[in-house]
N, C-alpha and C. Protein backbone atom coordinates (compact mmCIF):
# COMPACT_ATOMS: atom_id res chain seq x y z
N MET A 1 21.07 -3.99 -26.86
CA MET A 1 21.43 -4.30 -28.24
C MET A 1 21.37 -5.81 -28.43
N ASP A 2 20.65 -6.25 -29.44
CA ASP A 2 20.53 -7.67 -29.75
C ASP A 2 21.64 -8.07 -30.70
N LEU A 3 22.59 -8.86 -30.22
CA LEU A 3 23.71 -9.32 -31.04
C LEU A 3 23.54 -10.80 -31.34
N HIS A 4 23.76 -11.16 -32.59
CA HIS A 4 23.70 -12.57 -32.93
C HIS A 4 24.75 -12.89 -34.00
N LEU A 5 25.14 -14.14 -34.02
CA LEU A 5 26.14 -14.63 -34.95
C LEU A 5 25.45 -15.17 -36.19
N ARG A 6 26.01 -14.85 -37.35
CA ARG A 6 25.44 -15.32 -38.61
C ARG A 6 26.56 -15.84 -39.49
N GLU A 7 26.37 -17.06 -40.01
CA GLU A 7 27.38 -17.64 -40.90
C GLU A 7 27.31 -16.95 -42.26
N ILE A 8 28.47 -16.63 -42.80
CA ILE A 8 28.55 -15.98 -44.11
C ILE A 8 28.39 -17.03 -45.19
N SER A 9 27.58 -16.73 -46.19
CA SER A 9 27.37 -17.63 -47.33
C SER A 9 28.08 -17.05 -48.55
N PRO A 10 28.25 -17.85 -49.61
CA PRO A 10 28.88 -17.34 -50.83
C PRO A 10 28.14 -16.14 -51.44
N GLU A 11 26.86 -16.01 -51.16
CA GLU A 11 26.08 -14.90 -51.71
C GLU A 11 26.31 -13.59 -50.97
N ASP A 12 26.97 -13.62 -49.84
CA ASP A 12 27.16 -12.44 -48.99
C ASP A 12 28.35 -11.59 -49.43
N LYS A 13 28.40 -11.24 -50.69
CA LYS A 13 29.56 -10.51 -51.22
C LYS A 13 29.70 -9.12 -50.62
N ALA A 14 28.60 -8.46 -50.28
CA ALA A 14 28.69 -7.13 -49.65
C ALA A 14 29.32 -7.24 -48.27
N ILE A 15 28.97 -8.27 -47.53
CA ILE A 15 29.57 -8.49 -46.21
C ILE A 15 31.05 -8.82 -46.36
N ILE A 16 31.38 -9.68 -47.31
CA ILE A 16 32.78 -10.04 -47.55
C ILE A 16 33.59 -8.79 -47.90
N ALA A 17 33.01 -7.90 -48.70
CA ALA A 17 33.70 -6.65 -49.05
C ALA A 17 33.95 -5.80 -47.80
N LYS A 18 33.00 -5.76 -46.86
CA LYS A 18 33.21 -5.01 -45.61
C LYS A 18 34.34 -5.63 -44.79
N LEU A 19 34.44 -6.96 -44.81
CA LEU A 19 35.52 -7.62 -44.07
C LEU A 19 36.88 -7.23 -44.64
N ARG A 20 36.95 -7.06 -45.96
CA ARG A 20 38.20 -6.64 -46.58
C ARG A 20 38.57 -5.23 -46.11
N VAL A 21 37.58 -4.36 -45.99
CA VAL A 21 37.85 -3.01 -45.49
C VAL A 21 38.48 -3.08 -44.10
N TRP A 22 37.97 -3.98 -43.26
CA TRP A 22 38.56 -4.15 -41.93
C TRP A 22 40.02 -4.58 -42.04
N ASP A 23 40.31 -5.54 -42.94
CA ASP A 23 41.69 -6.02 -43.10
C ASP A 23 42.61 -4.89 -43.55
N VAL A 24 42.14 -4.08 -44.49
CA VAL A 24 42.95 -3.00 -45.03
C VAL A 24 43.16 -1.89 -44.00
N SER A 25 42.15 -1.61 -43.21
CA SER A 25 42.22 -0.47 -42.29
C SER A 25 42.94 -0.78 -40.97
N GLU A 26 43.17 -2.04 -40.65
CA GLU A 26 43.87 -2.40 -39.40
C GLU A 26 45.37 -2.27 -39.62
N ALA A 27 45.92 -1.13 -39.21
CA ALA A 27 47.33 -0.85 -39.45
C ALA A 27 48.26 -1.81 -38.72
N ASN A 28 47.85 -2.31 -37.58
CA ASN A 28 48.73 -3.15 -36.75
C ASN A 28 48.30 -4.60 -36.72
N ARG A 29 47.72 -5.11 -37.78
CA ARG A 29 47.19 -6.47 -37.74
C ARG A 29 48.26 -7.52 -37.49
N HIS A 30 49.50 -7.23 -37.82
CA HIS A 30 50.59 -8.17 -37.55
C HIS A 30 50.87 -8.33 -36.05
N TRP A 31 50.40 -7.41 -35.21
CA TRP A 31 50.61 -7.50 -33.77
C TRP A 31 49.67 -8.50 -33.11
N TYR A 32 48.60 -8.87 -33.79
CA TYR A 32 47.54 -9.66 -33.16
C TYR A 32 47.59 -11.14 -33.49
N THR A 33 48.50 -11.55 -34.33
CA THR A 33 48.57 -12.95 -34.74
C THR A 33 50.01 -13.42 -34.75
N CYS A 34 50.19 -14.71 -34.65
CA CYS A 34 51.55 -15.25 -34.80
C CYS A 34 51.73 -15.88 -36.18
N ARG A 35 50.69 -15.79 -37.00
CA ARG A 35 50.78 -16.28 -38.38
C ARG A 35 51.40 -15.19 -39.27
N PRO A 36 52.05 -15.58 -40.36
CA PRO A 36 52.54 -14.57 -41.30
C PRO A 36 51.36 -13.75 -41.85
N VAL A 37 51.55 -12.47 -41.98
CA VAL A 37 50.50 -11.58 -42.48
C VAL A 37 50.81 -11.24 -43.93
N ALA A 38 49.95 -11.72 -44.83
CA ALA A 38 50.12 -11.46 -46.26
C ALA A 38 49.45 -10.14 -46.62
N PRO A 39 49.91 -9.50 -47.67
CA PRO A 39 49.22 -8.29 -48.13
C PRO A 39 47.76 -8.61 -48.47
N VAL A 40 46.89 -7.66 -48.23
CA VAL A 40 45.47 -7.85 -48.53
C VAL A 40 45.28 -7.79 -50.04
N LYS A 41 44.54 -8.75 -50.57
CA LYS A 41 44.27 -8.82 -52.00
C LYS A 41 43.37 -7.67 -52.43
N ASP A 42 43.37 -7.38 -53.76
CA ASP A 42 42.43 -6.37 -54.24
C ASP A 42 41.01 -6.90 -54.04
N LEU A 43 40.03 -6.03 -54.09
CA LEU A 43 38.66 -6.37 -53.73
C LEU A 43 38.13 -7.57 -54.50
N HIS A 44 38.30 -7.58 -55.80
CA HIS A 44 37.77 -8.67 -56.63
C HIS A 44 38.39 -10.01 -56.22
N ASP A 45 39.72 -10.04 -56.09
CA ASP A 45 40.41 -11.28 -55.72
C ASP A 45 40.05 -11.72 -54.30
N TYR A 46 39.90 -10.76 -53.40
CA TYR A 46 39.54 -11.06 -52.01
C TYR A 46 38.17 -11.75 -51.97
N ILE A 47 37.20 -11.16 -52.65
CA ILE A 47 35.84 -11.73 -52.66
C ILE A 47 35.86 -13.11 -53.31
N ASP A 48 36.51 -13.23 -54.48
CA ASP A 48 36.57 -14.52 -55.17
C ASP A 48 37.21 -15.60 -54.30
N SER A 49 38.29 -15.26 -53.62
CA SER A 49 38.98 -16.23 -52.77
C SER A 49 38.10 -16.67 -51.60
N MET A 50 37.45 -15.71 -50.95
CA MET A 50 36.56 -16.04 -49.82
C MET A 50 35.40 -16.91 -50.29
N VAL A 51 34.77 -16.54 -51.39
CA VAL A 51 33.62 -17.30 -51.90
C VAL A 51 34.05 -18.72 -52.22
N GLU A 52 35.18 -18.87 -52.88
CA GLU A 52 35.66 -20.20 -53.26
C GLU A 52 35.93 -21.06 -52.02
N ARG A 53 36.55 -20.50 -50.99
CA ARG A 53 36.84 -21.26 -49.77
C ARG A 53 35.58 -21.58 -48.98
N ILE A 54 34.61 -20.68 -49.00
CA ILE A 54 33.32 -20.95 -48.34
C ILE A 54 32.60 -22.08 -49.07
N GLU A 55 32.57 -22.01 -50.40
CA GLU A 55 31.88 -23.05 -51.18
C GLU A 55 32.52 -24.42 -50.98
N ARG A 56 33.84 -24.47 -50.87
CA ARG A 56 34.53 -25.75 -50.65
C ARG A 56 34.46 -26.20 -49.20
N ARG A 57 33.93 -25.33 -48.34
CA ARG A 57 33.76 -25.60 -46.91
C ARG A 57 35.10 -25.80 -46.20
N VAL A 58 36.14 -25.12 -46.66
CA VAL A 58 37.42 -25.17 -45.97
C VAL A 58 37.52 -24.07 -44.92
N ILE A 59 36.63 -23.09 -45.00
CA ILE A 59 36.50 -22.09 -43.94
C ILE A 59 35.02 -21.95 -43.60
N ARG A 60 34.76 -21.56 -42.38
CA ARG A 60 33.39 -21.31 -41.91
C ARG A 60 33.39 -19.93 -41.25
N PRO A 61 33.24 -18.87 -42.04
CA PRO A 61 33.26 -17.52 -41.46
C PRO A 61 31.88 -17.10 -40.94
N PHE A 62 31.90 -16.39 -39.83
CA PHE A 62 30.69 -15.85 -39.20
C PHE A 62 30.92 -14.37 -38.92
N VAL A 63 29.84 -13.63 -38.83
CA VAL A 63 29.90 -12.24 -38.40
C VAL A 63 28.96 -12.06 -37.21
N LEU A 64 29.36 -11.20 -36.30
CA LEU A 64 28.49 -10.79 -35.20
C LEU A 64 27.76 -9.55 -35.68
N VAL A 65 26.44 -9.61 -35.71
CA VAL A 65 25.63 -8.51 -36.23
C VAL A 65 24.70 -7.98 -35.14
N SER A 66 24.29 -6.72 -35.31
CA SER A 66 23.50 -6.09 -34.26
C SER A 66 22.17 -5.52 -34.72
N ASP A 67 21.68 -5.96 -35.86
CA ASP A 67 20.34 -5.52 -36.24
C ASP A 67 19.63 -6.65 -36.98
N GLU A 68 18.34 -6.48 -37.16
CA GLU A 68 17.53 -7.54 -37.75
C GLU A 68 17.87 -7.82 -39.21
N ARG A 69 18.38 -6.82 -39.91
CA ARG A 69 18.71 -7.01 -41.33
C ARG A 69 20.14 -7.48 -41.52
N ASP A 70 20.85 -7.74 -40.44
CA ASP A 70 22.24 -8.23 -40.49
C ASP A 70 23.18 -7.26 -41.21
N GLU A 71 22.91 -5.96 -41.11
CA GLU A 71 23.74 -4.98 -41.81
C GLU A 71 24.80 -4.32 -40.93
N CYS A 72 24.61 -4.33 -39.62
CA CYS A 72 25.55 -3.68 -38.72
C CYS A 72 26.53 -4.72 -38.18
N LEU A 73 27.70 -4.79 -38.78
CA LEU A 73 28.70 -5.80 -38.40
C LEU A 73 29.53 -5.32 -37.22
N CYS A 74 29.67 -6.17 -36.22
CA CYS A 74 30.44 -5.84 -35.02
C CYS A 74 31.77 -6.58 -34.95
N GLY A 75 31.87 -7.75 -35.59
CA GLY A 75 33.09 -8.55 -35.55
C GLY A 75 32.96 -9.76 -36.44
N LYS A 76 34.08 -10.44 -36.64
CA LYS A 76 34.07 -11.67 -37.44
C LYS A 76 34.84 -12.75 -36.70
N ILE A 77 34.45 -13.98 -36.96
CA ILE A 77 35.14 -15.14 -36.37
C ILE A 77 35.04 -16.28 -37.38
N THR A 78 36.11 -17.01 -37.55
CA THR A 78 36.18 -18.01 -38.61
C THR A 78 36.80 -19.30 -38.09
N ALA A 79 36.24 -20.42 -38.52
CA ALA A 79 36.86 -21.73 -38.31
C ALA A 79 37.56 -22.11 -39.61
N PHE A 80 38.78 -22.64 -39.50
CA PHE A 80 39.55 -23.03 -40.68
C PHE A 80 40.51 -24.13 -40.28
N ASP A 81 41.30 -24.60 -41.24
CA ASP A 81 42.24 -25.71 -41.01
C ASP A 81 41.54 -26.92 -40.38
N PHE A 82 40.38 -27.25 -40.93
CA PHE A 82 39.60 -28.39 -40.43
C PHE A 82 40.36 -29.68 -40.66
N ASN A 83 40.45 -30.51 -39.62
CA ASN A 83 41.09 -31.81 -39.69
C ASN A 83 40.01 -32.86 -39.40
N PRO A 84 39.47 -33.51 -40.44
CA PRO A 84 38.37 -34.45 -40.21
C PRO A 84 38.78 -35.68 -39.39
N ARG A 85 40.03 -36.10 -39.51
CA ARG A 85 40.46 -37.27 -38.74
C ARG A 85 40.43 -36.99 -37.24
N ASN A 86 40.95 -35.84 -36.86
CA ASN A 86 40.97 -35.47 -35.44
C ASN A 86 39.73 -34.68 -35.02
N ARG A 87 38.90 -34.36 -35.98
CA ARG A 87 37.69 -33.56 -35.74
C ARG A 87 38.04 -32.28 -34.98
N SER A 88 39.03 -31.57 -35.56
CA SER A 88 39.49 -30.32 -34.96
C SER A 88 39.59 -29.24 -36.03
N ALA A 89 39.65 -28.00 -35.58
CA ALA A 89 39.82 -26.86 -36.47
C ALA A 89 40.43 -25.73 -35.67
N GLU A 90 40.96 -24.75 -36.39
CA GLU A 90 41.49 -23.55 -35.76
C GLU A 90 40.44 -22.45 -35.87
N LEU A 91 40.49 -21.52 -34.96
CA LEU A 91 39.60 -20.36 -35.05
C LEU A 91 40.42 -19.09 -35.03
N GLY A 92 39.89 -18.10 -35.70
CA GLY A 92 40.48 -16.76 -35.69
C GLY A 92 39.37 -15.75 -35.62
N TYR A 93 39.63 -14.63 -34.98
CA TYR A 93 38.57 -13.62 -34.84
C TYR A 93 39.16 -12.23 -34.94
N TYR A 94 38.27 -11.28 -35.18
CA TYR A 94 38.68 -9.89 -35.31
C TYR A 94 37.53 -8.98 -34.92
N LEU A 95 37.87 -7.96 -34.15
CA LEU A 95 36.93 -6.88 -33.84
C LEU A 95 37.57 -5.57 -34.29
N PRO A 96 36.85 -4.76 -35.05
CA PRO A 96 37.40 -3.44 -35.39
C PRO A 96 37.66 -2.63 -34.12
N GLN A 97 38.60 -1.72 -34.19
CA GLN A 97 38.99 -0.91 -33.03
C GLN A 97 37.79 -0.32 -32.31
N MET A 98 36.82 0.20 -33.05
CA MET A 98 35.67 0.87 -32.44
C MET A 98 34.78 -0.09 -31.64
N ASN A 99 34.93 -1.41 -31.85
CA ASN A 99 34.09 -2.39 -31.16
C ASN A 99 34.84 -3.16 -30.07
N ARG A 100 36.03 -2.75 -29.75
CA ARG A 100 36.82 -3.43 -28.71
C ARG A 100 36.47 -2.89 -27.33
N GLY A 101 36.62 -3.75 -26.34
CA GLY A 101 36.38 -3.34 -24.96
C GLY A 101 34.92 -3.20 -24.59
N MET A 102 34.03 -3.76 -25.40
CA MET A 102 32.59 -3.64 -25.17
C MET A 102 31.92 -4.98 -24.89
N GLY A 103 32.72 -6.05 -24.79
CA GLY A 103 32.16 -7.38 -24.54
C GLY A 103 31.75 -8.12 -25.79
N PHE A 104 31.95 -7.51 -26.97
CA PHE A 104 31.55 -8.17 -28.22
C PHE A 104 32.35 -9.44 -28.47
N GLY A 105 33.64 -9.43 -28.14
CA GLY A 105 34.46 -10.63 -28.33
C GLY A 105 33.94 -11.80 -27.52
N ARG A 106 33.57 -11.54 -26.28
CA ARG A 106 33.03 -12.59 -25.41
C ARG A 106 31.72 -13.13 -25.98
N ILE A 107 30.83 -12.25 -26.40
CA ILE A 107 29.55 -12.67 -26.97
C ILE A 107 29.78 -13.49 -28.24
N MET A 108 30.66 -12.98 -29.11
CA MET A 108 30.93 -13.64 -30.38
C MET A 108 31.54 -15.02 -30.16
N LEU A 109 32.53 -15.12 -29.28
CA LEU A 109 33.19 -16.40 -29.04
C LEU A 109 32.23 -17.40 -28.41
N ARG A 110 31.41 -16.97 -27.47
CA ARG A 110 30.44 -17.87 -26.83
C ARG A 110 29.48 -18.44 -27.89
N GLN A 111 28.91 -17.58 -28.73
CA GLN A 111 27.96 -18.05 -29.74
C GLN A 111 28.65 -18.94 -30.78
N PHE A 112 29.89 -18.60 -31.12
CA PHE A 112 30.65 -19.38 -32.10
C PHE A 112 30.94 -20.78 -31.56
N LEU A 113 31.41 -20.87 -30.32
CA LEU A 113 31.71 -22.18 -29.74
C LEU A 113 30.46 -23.04 -29.70
N HIS A 114 29.36 -22.46 -29.31
CA HIS A 114 28.10 -23.21 -29.29
C HIS A 114 27.74 -23.69 -30.70
N ALA A 115 27.82 -22.80 -31.68
CA ALA A 115 27.46 -23.17 -33.06
C ALA A 115 28.36 -24.26 -33.61
N MET A 116 29.66 -24.14 -33.39
CA MET A 116 30.59 -25.10 -33.99
C MET A 116 30.57 -26.46 -33.29
N PHE A 117 30.38 -26.49 -31.99
CA PHE A 117 30.33 -27.78 -31.30
C PHE A 117 28.98 -28.47 -31.45
N GLU A 118 27.97 -27.74 -31.89
CA GLU A 118 26.67 -28.34 -32.19
C GLU A 118 26.54 -28.69 -33.68
N ASP A 119 27.50 -28.27 -34.48
CA ASP A 119 27.45 -28.43 -35.93
C ASP A 119 27.65 -29.89 -36.34
N ALA A 120 26.68 -30.44 -37.06
CA ALA A 120 26.77 -31.85 -37.49
C ALA A 120 27.71 -32.04 -38.67
N GLU A 121 27.93 -31.00 -39.46
CA GLU A 121 28.77 -31.14 -40.66
C GLU A 121 30.23 -31.40 -40.29
N TRP A 122 30.82 -30.58 -39.44
CA TRP A 122 32.22 -30.76 -39.06
C TRP A 122 32.34 -31.64 -37.82
N ASN A 123 31.32 -31.72 -37.00
CA ASN A 123 31.29 -32.60 -35.83
C ASN A 123 32.57 -32.49 -34.99
N LEU A 124 32.90 -31.28 -34.59
CA LEU A 124 34.17 -31.00 -33.92
C LEU A 124 34.23 -31.53 -32.49
N HIS A 125 35.46 -31.92 -32.13
CA HIS A 125 35.79 -32.27 -30.75
C HIS A 125 36.73 -31.23 -30.15
N LYS A 126 37.43 -30.48 -31.03
CA LYS A 126 38.44 -29.55 -30.54
C LYS A 126 38.53 -28.35 -31.46
N LEU A 127 38.60 -27.17 -30.86
CA LEU A 127 38.93 -25.94 -31.56
C LEU A 127 40.17 -25.36 -30.89
N TYR A 128 41.07 -24.83 -31.68
CA TYR A 128 42.25 -24.21 -31.10
C TYR A 128 42.48 -22.86 -31.75
N ALA A 129 43.19 -22.01 -31.04
CA ALA A 129 43.49 -20.67 -31.53
C ALA A 129 44.95 -20.37 -31.25
N THR A 130 45.54 -19.57 -32.10
CA THR A 130 46.88 -19.05 -31.85
C THR A 130 46.77 -17.53 -31.84
N THR A 131 47.57 -16.91 -31.03
CA THR A 131 47.60 -15.45 -30.96
C THR A 131 49.01 -15.01 -30.62
N ALA A 132 49.31 -13.79 -30.93
CA ALA A 132 50.63 -13.25 -30.59
C ALA A 132 50.79 -13.22 -29.07
N SER A 133 51.98 -13.51 -28.59
CA SER A 133 52.20 -13.58 -27.15
C SER A 133 51.95 -12.24 -26.45
N GLY A 134 52.06 -11.15 -27.17
CA GLY A 134 51.80 -9.84 -26.58
C GLY A 134 50.34 -9.42 -26.62
N ASN A 135 49.49 -10.22 -27.23
CA ASN A 135 48.07 -9.87 -27.34
C ASN A 135 47.34 -10.36 -26.09
N GLN A 136 47.56 -9.65 -24.99
CA GLN A 136 47.02 -10.07 -23.70
C GLN A 136 45.50 -10.07 -23.66
N VAL A 137 44.86 -9.18 -24.39
CA VAL A 137 43.39 -9.15 -24.41
C VAL A 137 42.86 -10.45 -25.01
N SER A 138 43.47 -10.89 -26.11
CA SER A 138 43.04 -12.13 -26.75
C SER A 138 43.34 -13.34 -25.86
N ILE A 139 44.50 -13.36 -25.24
CA ILE A 139 44.85 -14.46 -24.34
C ILE A 139 43.84 -14.54 -23.20
N HIS A 140 43.50 -13.40 -22.62
CA HIS A 140 42.51 -13.37 -21.53
C HIS A 140 41.16 -13.90 -22.00
N LEU A 141 40.73 -13.48 -23.19
CA LEU A 141 39.45 -13.95 -23.72
C LEU A 141 39.46 -15.47 -23.92
N LEU A 142 40.51 -15.99 -24.51
CA LEU A 142 40.59 -17.43 -24.75
C LEU A 142 40.66 -18.21 -23.43
N ASN A 143 41.40 -17.70 -22.47
CA ASN A 143 41.46 -18.36 -21.16
C ASN A 143 40.10 -18.36 -20.48
N ARG A 144 39.36 -17.31 -20.66
CA ARG A 144 38.02 -17.21 -20.06
C ARG A 144 37.11 -18.35 -20.53
N PHE A 145 37.35 -18.83 -21.75
CA PHE A 145 36.54 -19.91 -22.30
C PHE A 145 37.24 -21.26 -22.22
N GLY A 146 38.21 -21.39 -21.34
CA GLY A 146 38.84 -22.68 -21.10
C GLY A 146 40.10 -22.95 -21.88
N GLY A 147 40.61 -21.96 -22.60
CA GLY A 147 41.86 -22.14 -23.32
C GLY A 147 43.01 -22.30 -22.35
N SER A 148 44.10 -22.84 -22.83
CA SER A 148 45.29 -22.98 -22.00
C SER A 148 46.47 -22.40 -22.76
N VAL A 149 47.52 -22.07 -22.05
CA VAL A 149 48.69 -21.45 -22.65
C VAL A 149 49.86 -22.41 -22.54
N PRO A 150 50.12 -23.20 -23.58
CA PRO A 150 51.33 -24.03 -23.58
C PRO A 150 52.55 -23.15 -23.85
N SER A 151 53.71 -23.71 -23.81
CA SER A 151 54.93 -22.93 -23.98
C SER A 151 55.01 -22.25 -25.34
N SER A 152 54.31 -22.77 -26.35
CA SER A 152 54.40 -22.20 -27.69
C SER A 152 53.25 -21.26 -28.03
N GLY A 153 52.33 -20.99 -27.13
CA GLY A 153 51.24 -20.07 -27.42
C GLY A 153 49.95 -20.50 -26.76
N VAL A 154 48.87 -19.86 -27.15
CA VAL A 154 47.55 -20.18 -26.59
C VAL A 154 46.97 -21.36 -27.33
N ASN A 155 46.45 -22.31 -26.61
CA ASN A 155 45.86 -23.51 -27.20
C ASN A 155 44.36 -23.43 -27.12
């Protein structure tokens, strides 16, 4: 299977709508993050909010796709909270239940790190991630790529 990462553009409203379905269908999404989990917006507001943030370049969302037409989505990963002074950003990722345990997270994170550290627009020196302390799969994945676990979470 040929998997590749593709950055989402403001025109990708059908893909953005699929991402909302993932948010709505993940019953335990509060278990996977240490950030507050807000209710998912209705479809129109969700798409408008994502498009606006993409256009302002405050988020850089990507999807891992498995076909030439970019229609088969396997996961998403996003850079956000960009700090131009420190040239740093946070990353967050998600794989639907059916795509877990298949190595997609490793493939997605590897391609994402390469893309973001080669990116001339944000010119990053540091990416960081936070995850719930009980999310051992995520902690293992982040450690595999050089992350560290300070007393307050995964760095």
